[in-house]
């Protein structure tokens, strides 16, 4: 049996509020799920309520809706700053891409007519990869030579095989690249397992965590060999140190914060981690308040 790790609890003061705000308010009723931060102190949030995208200044805490949603839930998102685009996972609808400056819709993609939930996305040199929580496939929007978006007929469907077994509830969720950049790593929420995925074949192998599980694993953030895994229903974040290939890892810390309220994912700027609260255990209303909180990276 793996050794139990102690849970560290952060206080809001540990995020140095005199530098940037430690809490950023989001619009009432917004229902945040995804967050993306690039090289600038700007955060983008996706809405489960209607698919809108909110842009917030990390310095001032102020923001606004930059893209009004199509009325469908949208979750994970990533910023492609080089080409000023934001890629958004939109559940059964597939994906939306908007301009990162203007919020103007650039393209939409519908992945499948079956039971599907495009949940999260990672951008690589080759394209944008999306997980599906209900169907054992990954979807790739392959980029052209100069980063051009593909025709809908060119969307790649990569069936997952090997160790992963889909079951009831949420399966594939957060996604990142391995430290060596050769593979993908996904978390399966309902089993708490990490899987390394061969992007050429779809074969999955369980990441050896020495017996540890990451139940409720949601959004992922990798910085070098450090992988942060948000465990939503547990109101905590696990820190995993991976090997270069992403075949094994060790859970070295778990942290919580009294301000966490079912966090779904995490993004970083400087030495801070920003975590949106989805508040899944509180019935949503148009007047419901939402926020994202900041803690020091650990």
Protein backbone atom coordinates (compact mmCIF):
# COMPACT_ATOMS: atom_id res chain seq x y z
CA UNK A 1 0.00 0.00 0.00
CA UNK A 2 1.29 3.46 -0.89
CA UNK A 3 2.29 5.78 1.92
CA UNK A 4 -0.34 8.37 2.81
CA UNK A 5 0.56 11.99 2.14
CA UNK A 6 -0.46 14.76 4.46
CA UNK A 7 -2.76 17.43 3.07
CA UNK A 8 -1.42 20.97 3.23
CA UNK A 9 -3.96 23.77 3.56
CA UNK A 10 -3.11 27.20 2.20
CA UNK A 11 -4.42 30.46 3.58
CA UNK A 12 -5.34 33.31 1.20
CA UNK A 13 -2.50 35.43 2.60
CA UNK A 14 0.03 33.01 1.17
CA UNK A 15 -0.76 34.22 -2.36
CA UNK A 16 0.75 37.70 -1.76
CA UNK A 17 -2.38 39.83 -2.31
CA UNK A 18 -0.30 43.01 -2.55
CA UNK A 19 1.03 41.81 -5.91
CA UNK A 20 -2.09 40.59 -7.72
CA UNK A 21 -5.62 39.89 -6.42
CA UNK A 22 -5.96 36.47 -4.81
CA UNK A 23 -9.58 36.19 -5.91
CA UNK A 24 -11.14 37.26 -9.20
CA UNK A 25 -14.89 37.52 -9.45
CA UNK A 26 -16.62 36.08 -12.48
CA UNK A 27 -20.08 37.08 -13.76
CA UNK A 28 -23.06 35.85 -11.74
CA UNK A 29 -24.42 32.62 -13.18
CA UNK A 30 -21.30 32.08 -15.31
CA UNK A 31 -20.56 28.50 -14.17
CA UNK A 32 -16.81 28.40 -14.97
CA UNK A 33 -15.11 25.18 -15.92
CA UNK A 34 -11.98 25.92 -17.96
CA UNK A 35 -9.16 28.45 -17.63
CA UNK A 36 -6.28 29.39 -19.92
CA UNK A 37 -3.38 31.77 -19.25
CA UNK A 38 -0.58 32.56 -21.67
CA UNK A 39 2.53 34.72 -21.46
CA UNK A 40 0.58 37.85 -20.52
CA UNK A 41 -1.27 38.33 -17.20
CA UNK A 42 -4.60 37.61 -18.87
CA UNK A 43 -6.91 34.71 -18.03
CA UNK A 44 -9.66 33.27 -20.19
CA UNK A 45 -12.57 31.32 -18.70
CA UNK A 46 -15.12 29.04 -20.35
CA UNK A 47 -18.75 28.87 -19.23
CA UNK A 48 -20.82 25.75 -18.69
CA UNK A 49 -23.93 27.93 -18.64
CA UNK A 50 -23.88 29.13 -22.25
CA UNK A 51 -20.38 28.73 -23.69
CA UNK A 52 -19.32 32.34 -23.24
CA UNK A 53 -15.67 33.24 -22.70
CA UNK A 54 -14.70 35.75 -20.01
CA UNK A 55 -11.38 37.59 -20.18
CA UNK A 56 -9.86 38.86 -16.91
CA UNK A 57 -6.81 40.98 -16.12
CA UNK A 58 -4.76 39.23 -13.42
CA UNK A 59 -3.24 42.54 -12.33
CA UNK A 60 -6.48 44.40 -11.67
CA UNK A 61 -8.94 41.53 -11.35
CA UNK A 62 -11.26 43.27 -13.79
CA UNK A 63 -12.71 41.62 -16.86
CA UNK A 64 -15.57 41.25 -19.30
CA UNK A 65 -17.30 38.77 -21.55
CA UNK A 66 -15.21 38.77 -24.72
CA UNK A 67 -17.22 36.17 -26.62
CA UNK A 68 -20.93 35.54 -26.11
CA UNK A 69 -21.59 31.83 -26.14
CA UNK A 70 -23.87 29.88 -28.47
CA UNK A 71 -26.06 28.70 -25.61
CA UNK A 72 -24.32 25.36 -25.09
CA UNK A 73 -21.99 24.26 -22.27
CA UNK A 74 -18.30 24.76 -22.94
CA UNK A 75 -15.51 23.64 -20.65
CA UNK A 76 -11.77 23.28 -21.09
CA UNK A 77 -9.92 25.80 -23.20
CA UNK A 78 -6.37 26.64 -24.21
CA UNK A 79 -4.79 29.75 -25.71
CA UNK A 80 -2.66 29.55 -28.86
CA UNK A 81 -1.01 32.92 -28.43
CA UNK A 82 1.29 32.56 -31.41
CA UNK A 83 -1.73 32.61 -33.69
CA UNK A 84 -4.03 34.57 -31.32
CA UNK A 85 -6.59 31.78 -31.05
CA UNK A 86 -8.47 30.14 -28.19
CA UNK A 87 -9.55 26.51 -28.56
CA UNK A 88 -12.63 25.54 -26.54
CA UNK A 89 -14.06 22.10 -25.77
CA UNK A 90 -17.85 22.28 -26.05
CA UNK A 91 -19.24 18.94 -24.95
CA UNK A 92 -21.52 17.17 -27.41
CA UNK A 93 -21.19 20.10 -29.82
CA UNK A 94 -17.47 19.51 -30.38
CA UNK A 95 -15.16 22.53 -30.44
CA UNK A 96 -15.13 26.27 -31.02
CA UNK A 97 -12.15 28.45 -31.89
CA UNK A 98 -12.29 32.19 -31.29
CA UNK A 99 -9.92 35.10 -31.84
CA UNK A 100 -7.97 35.73 -28.60
CA UNK A 101 -8.06 39.51 -29.12
CA UNK A 102 -11.53 40.19 -30.46
CA UNK A 103 -13.51 37.13 -29.35
CA UNK A 104 -14.77 36.70 -32.91
CA UNK A 105 -15.72 33.16 -33.87
CA UNK A 106 -13.04 31.63 -36.11
CA UNK A 107 -14.30 28.07 -36.62
CA UNK A 108 -16.45 25.29 -35.18
CA UNK A 109 -16.04 21.51 -35.38
CA UNK A 110 -18.55 18.75 -34.67
CA UNK A 111 -16.73 15.57 -33.69
CA UNK A 112 -19.41 12.88 -33.58
CA UNK A 113 -23.15 12.25 -33.59
CA UNK A 114 -22.85 9.65 -30.83
CA UNK A 115 -22.89 10.08 -27.07
CA UNK A 116 -20.00 12.45 -26.61
CA UNK A 117 -18.55 15.07 -24.29
CA UNK A 118 -15.53 16.97 -25.56
CA UNK A 119 -14.04 18.00 -22.23
CA UNK A 120 -10.52 19.40 -22.44
CA UNK A 121 -7.85 20.37 -24.94
CA UNK A 122 -4.08 20.66 -25.28
CA UNK A 123 -2.23 22.43 -28.07
CA UNK A 124 0.87 20.83 -29.54
CA UNK A 125 3.09 21.61 -32.50
CA UNK A 126 0.95 19.33 -34.65
CA UNK A 127 -2.50 20.53 -33.63
CA UNK A 128 -5.12 20.67 -30.90
CA UNK A 129 -6.05 17.43 -29.09
CA UNK A 130 -9.43 17.04 -27.35
CA UNK A 131 -10.55 14.45 -24.81
CA UNK A 132 -14.01 12.91 -24.78
CA UNK A 133 -15.34 11.91 -21.36
CA UNK A 134 -18.04 9.60 -22.69
CA UNK A 135 -16.45 7.95 -25.72
CA UNK A 136 -12.99 6.31 -25.88
CA UNK A 137 -11.47 8.52 -28.53
CA UNK A 138 -9.26 11.58 -28.78
CA UNK A 139 -9.86 14.14 -31.49
CA UNK A 140 -7.11 16.04 -33.27
CA UNK A 141 -7.47 19.24 -35.24
CA UNK A 142 -4.26 18.96 -37.27
CA UNK A 143 -2.57 22.25 -38.10
CA UNK A 144 -1.39 23.10 -41.57
CA UNK A 145 2.20 24.04 -42.37
CA UNK A 146 1.68 27.58 -41.12
CA UNK A 147 -0.78 26.72 -38.39
CA UNK A 148 -3.87 26.76 -40.59
CA UNK A 149 -6.97 25.11 -39.18
CA UNK A 150 -8.14 21.93 -40.93
CA UNK A 151 -11.23 21.33 -42.97
CA UNK A 152 -13.86 19.47 -40.89
CA UNK A 153 -13.23 16.38 -43.02
CA UNK A 154 -9.61 16.32 -41.78
CA UNK A 155 -10.42 15.92 -38.08
CA UNK A 156 -8.54 12.89 -36.76
CA UNK A 157 -10.41 10.37 -34.58
CA UNK A 158 -7.96 8.37 -32.46
CA UNK A 159 -9.59 5.37 -30.73
CA UNK A 160 -8.12 4.64 -27.29
CA UNK A 161 -6.96 1.10 -26.61
CA UNK A 162 -4.66 -0.64 -24.16
CA UNK A 163 -5.02 -0.17 -20.42
CA UNK A 164 -7.84 2.37 -20.21
CA UNK A 165 -11.36 0.98 -19.75
CA UNK A 166 -14.30 3.36 -19.97
CA UNK A 167 -17.07 3.03 -17.39
CA UNK A 168 -19.97 5.00 -15.97
CA UNK A 169 -19.48 8.66 -15.24
CA UNK A 170 -16.67 10.88 -16.47
CA UNK A 171 -13.73 9.12 -18.07
CA UNK A 172 -11.04 10.97 -20.05
CA UNK A 173 -10.79 14.50 -18.74
CA UNK A 174 -7.70 16.70 -18.50
CA UNK A 175 -4.93 16.33 -21.08
CA UNK A 176 -1.29 17.47 -21.36
CA UNK A 177 1.85 16.38 -23.19
CA UNK A 178 4.48 14.21 -21.53
CA UNK A 179 7.70 15.93 -20.37
CA UNK A 180 9.60 14.62 -23.41
CA UNK A 181 6.83 15.84 -25.74
CA UNK A 182 6.44 12.46 -27.43
CA UNK A 183 3.21 11.34 -25.80
CA UNK A 184 -0.01 12.62 -24.31
CA UNK A 185 -1.11 12.18 -20.71
CA UNK A 186 -4.78 12.06 -19.71
CA UNK A 187 -6.56 11.59 -16.40
CA UNK A 188 -9.58 9.32 -16.00
CA UNK A 189 -11.84 11.00 -13.45
CA UNK A 190 -13.89 8.00 -12.33
CA UNK A 191 -10.90 5.72 -11.67
CA UNK A 192 -8.33 8.29 -10.55
CA UNK A 193 -5.74 6.91 -12.97
CA UNK A 194 -3.31 8.67 -15.28
CA UNK A 195 -2.64 7.23 -18.72
CA UNK A 196 0.14 7.79 -21.20
CA UNK A 197 -1.24 7.83 -24.76
CA UNK A 198 0.69 7.12 -27.94
CA UNK A 199 -0.53 9.88 -30.29
CA UNK A 200 0.13 7.69 -33.33
CA UNK A 201 -1.72 4.54 -32.27
CA UNK A 202 -4.01 5.51 -29.37
CA UNK A 203 -2.53 2.75 -27.20
CA UNK A 204 -2.72 3.73 -23.53
CA UNK A 205 -0.52 2.63 -20.67
CA UNK A 206 -1.26 3.29 -17.01
CA UNK A 207 1.16 5.76 -15.46
CA UNK A 208 2.72 4.00 -12.48
CA UNK A 209 1.98 6.16 -9.43
CA UNK A 210 3.14 3.60 -6.90
CA UNK A 211 -0.39 2.73 -5.85
CA UNK A 212 -1.68 6.29 -5.51
CA UNK A 213 -4.98 7.25 -7.15
CA UNK A 214 -6.24 10.67 -8.17
CA UNK A 215 -9.99 10.24 -7.80
CA UNK A 216 -11.97 13.12 -9.28
CA UNK A 217 -9.00 14.12 -11.44
CA UNK A 218 -10.10 16.96 -13.67
CA UNK A 219 -7.89 19.65 -15.18
CA UNK A 220 -4.15 19.07 -15.62
CA UNK A 221 -1.21 21.47 -15.75
CA UNK A 222 2.31 20.33 -16.57
CA UNK A 223 5.39 22.45 -15.92
CA UNK A 224 8.51 20.53 -16.85
CA UNK A 225 8.28 17.21 -15.02
CA UNK A 226 5.79 18.57 -12.49
CA UNK A 227 2.16 17.70 -13.11
CA UNK A 228 -0.65 19.37 -11.16
CA UNK A 229 -3.89 17.38 -11.01
CA UNK A 230 -7.07 19.09 -9.78
CA UNK A 231 -9.24 16.67 -7.80
CA UNK A 232 -12.55 18.49 -8.02
CA UNK A 233 -14.87 16.78 -5.53
CA UNK A 234 -12.04 16.46 -3.01
CA UNK A 235 -11.31 20.21 -3.15
CA UNK A 236 -7.61 19.62 -3.57
CA UNK A 237 -4.71 19.65 -6.02
CA UNK A 238 -2.16 16.85 -6.25
CA UNK A 239 1.43 17.46 -7.34
CA UNK A 240 3.00 14.62 -9.29
CA UNK A 241 6.67 14.38 -10.29
CA UNK A 242 6.92 12.47 -13.59
CA UNK A 243 9.79 10.83 -15.37
CA UNK A 244 10.69 12.26 -18.78
CA UNK A 245 8.67 9.73 -20.73
CA UNK A 246 5.59 10.01 -18.51
CA UNK A 247 5.56 6.30 -17.75
CA UNK A 248 5.74 6.70 -13.97
CA UNK A 249 5.30 9.39 -11.38
CA UNK A 250 5.20 10.06 -7.68
CA UNK A 251 2.58 12.07 -5.81
CA UNK A 252 4.76 14.36 -3.72
CA UNK A 253 2.18 16.76 -2.28
CA UNK A 254 -1.53 17.48 -2.00
CA UNK A 255 -2.88 20.90 -1.09
CA UNK A 256 -6.23 22.43 -0.33
CA UNK A 257 -7.50 25.91 0.46
CA UNK A 258 -10.59 27.01 2.40
CA UNK A 259 -11.63 29.02 -0.66
CA UNK A 260 -11.85 25.95 -2.92
CA UNK A 261 -15.45 25.13 -3.90
CA UNK A 262 -15.24 22.21 -6.34
CA UNK A 263 -12.33 23.50 -8.44
CA UNK A 264 -12.14 22.06 -11.92
CA UNK A 265 -8.79 23.02 -13.41
CA UNK A 266 -5.65 25.09 -12.98
CA UNK A 267 -3.45 27.49 -14.94
CA UNK A 268 -0.27 29.28 -13.96
CA UNK A 269 1.23 32.74 -14.20
CA UNK A 270 4.57 33.43 -12.58
CA UNK A 271 4.72 31.62 -9.25
CA UNK A 272 0.95 31.44 -8.89
CA UNK A 273 -1.67 28.86 -9.65
CA UNK A 274 -5.15 30.06 -10.61
CA UNK A 275 -8.06 27.75 -9.84
CA UNK A 276 -11.69 28.39 -10.91
CA UNK A 277 -14.46 27.22 -8.58
CA UNK A 278 -17.25 25.44 -10.45
CA UNK A 279 -19.38 24.96 -7.29
CA UNK A 280 -20.92 21.77 -8.68
CA UNK A 281 -22.50 20.85 -5.34
CA UNK A 282 -24.51 24.10 -5.27
CA UNK A 283 -27.53 24.24 -7.63
CA UNK A 284 -26.78 26.96 -10.22
CA UNK A 285 -28.98 30.02 -10.58
CA UNK A 286 -28.59 33.18 -12.67
CA UNK A 287 -27.63 35.04 -9.48
CA UNK A 288 -25.03 32.49 -8.30
CA UNK A 289 -21.61 34.03 -7.63
CA UNK A 290 -18.43 32.46 -9.00
CA UNK A 291 -14.74 33.20 -8.75
CA UNK A 292 -11.22 31.95 -9.35
CA UNK A 293 -8.67 31.90 -6.55
CA UNK A 294 -4.88 32.11 -6.57
CA UNK A 295 -2.35 30.24 -4.46
CA UNK A 296 1.43 30.08 -4.55
CA UNK A 297 2.77 27.27 -6.71
CA UNK A 298 3.98 24.43 -4.50
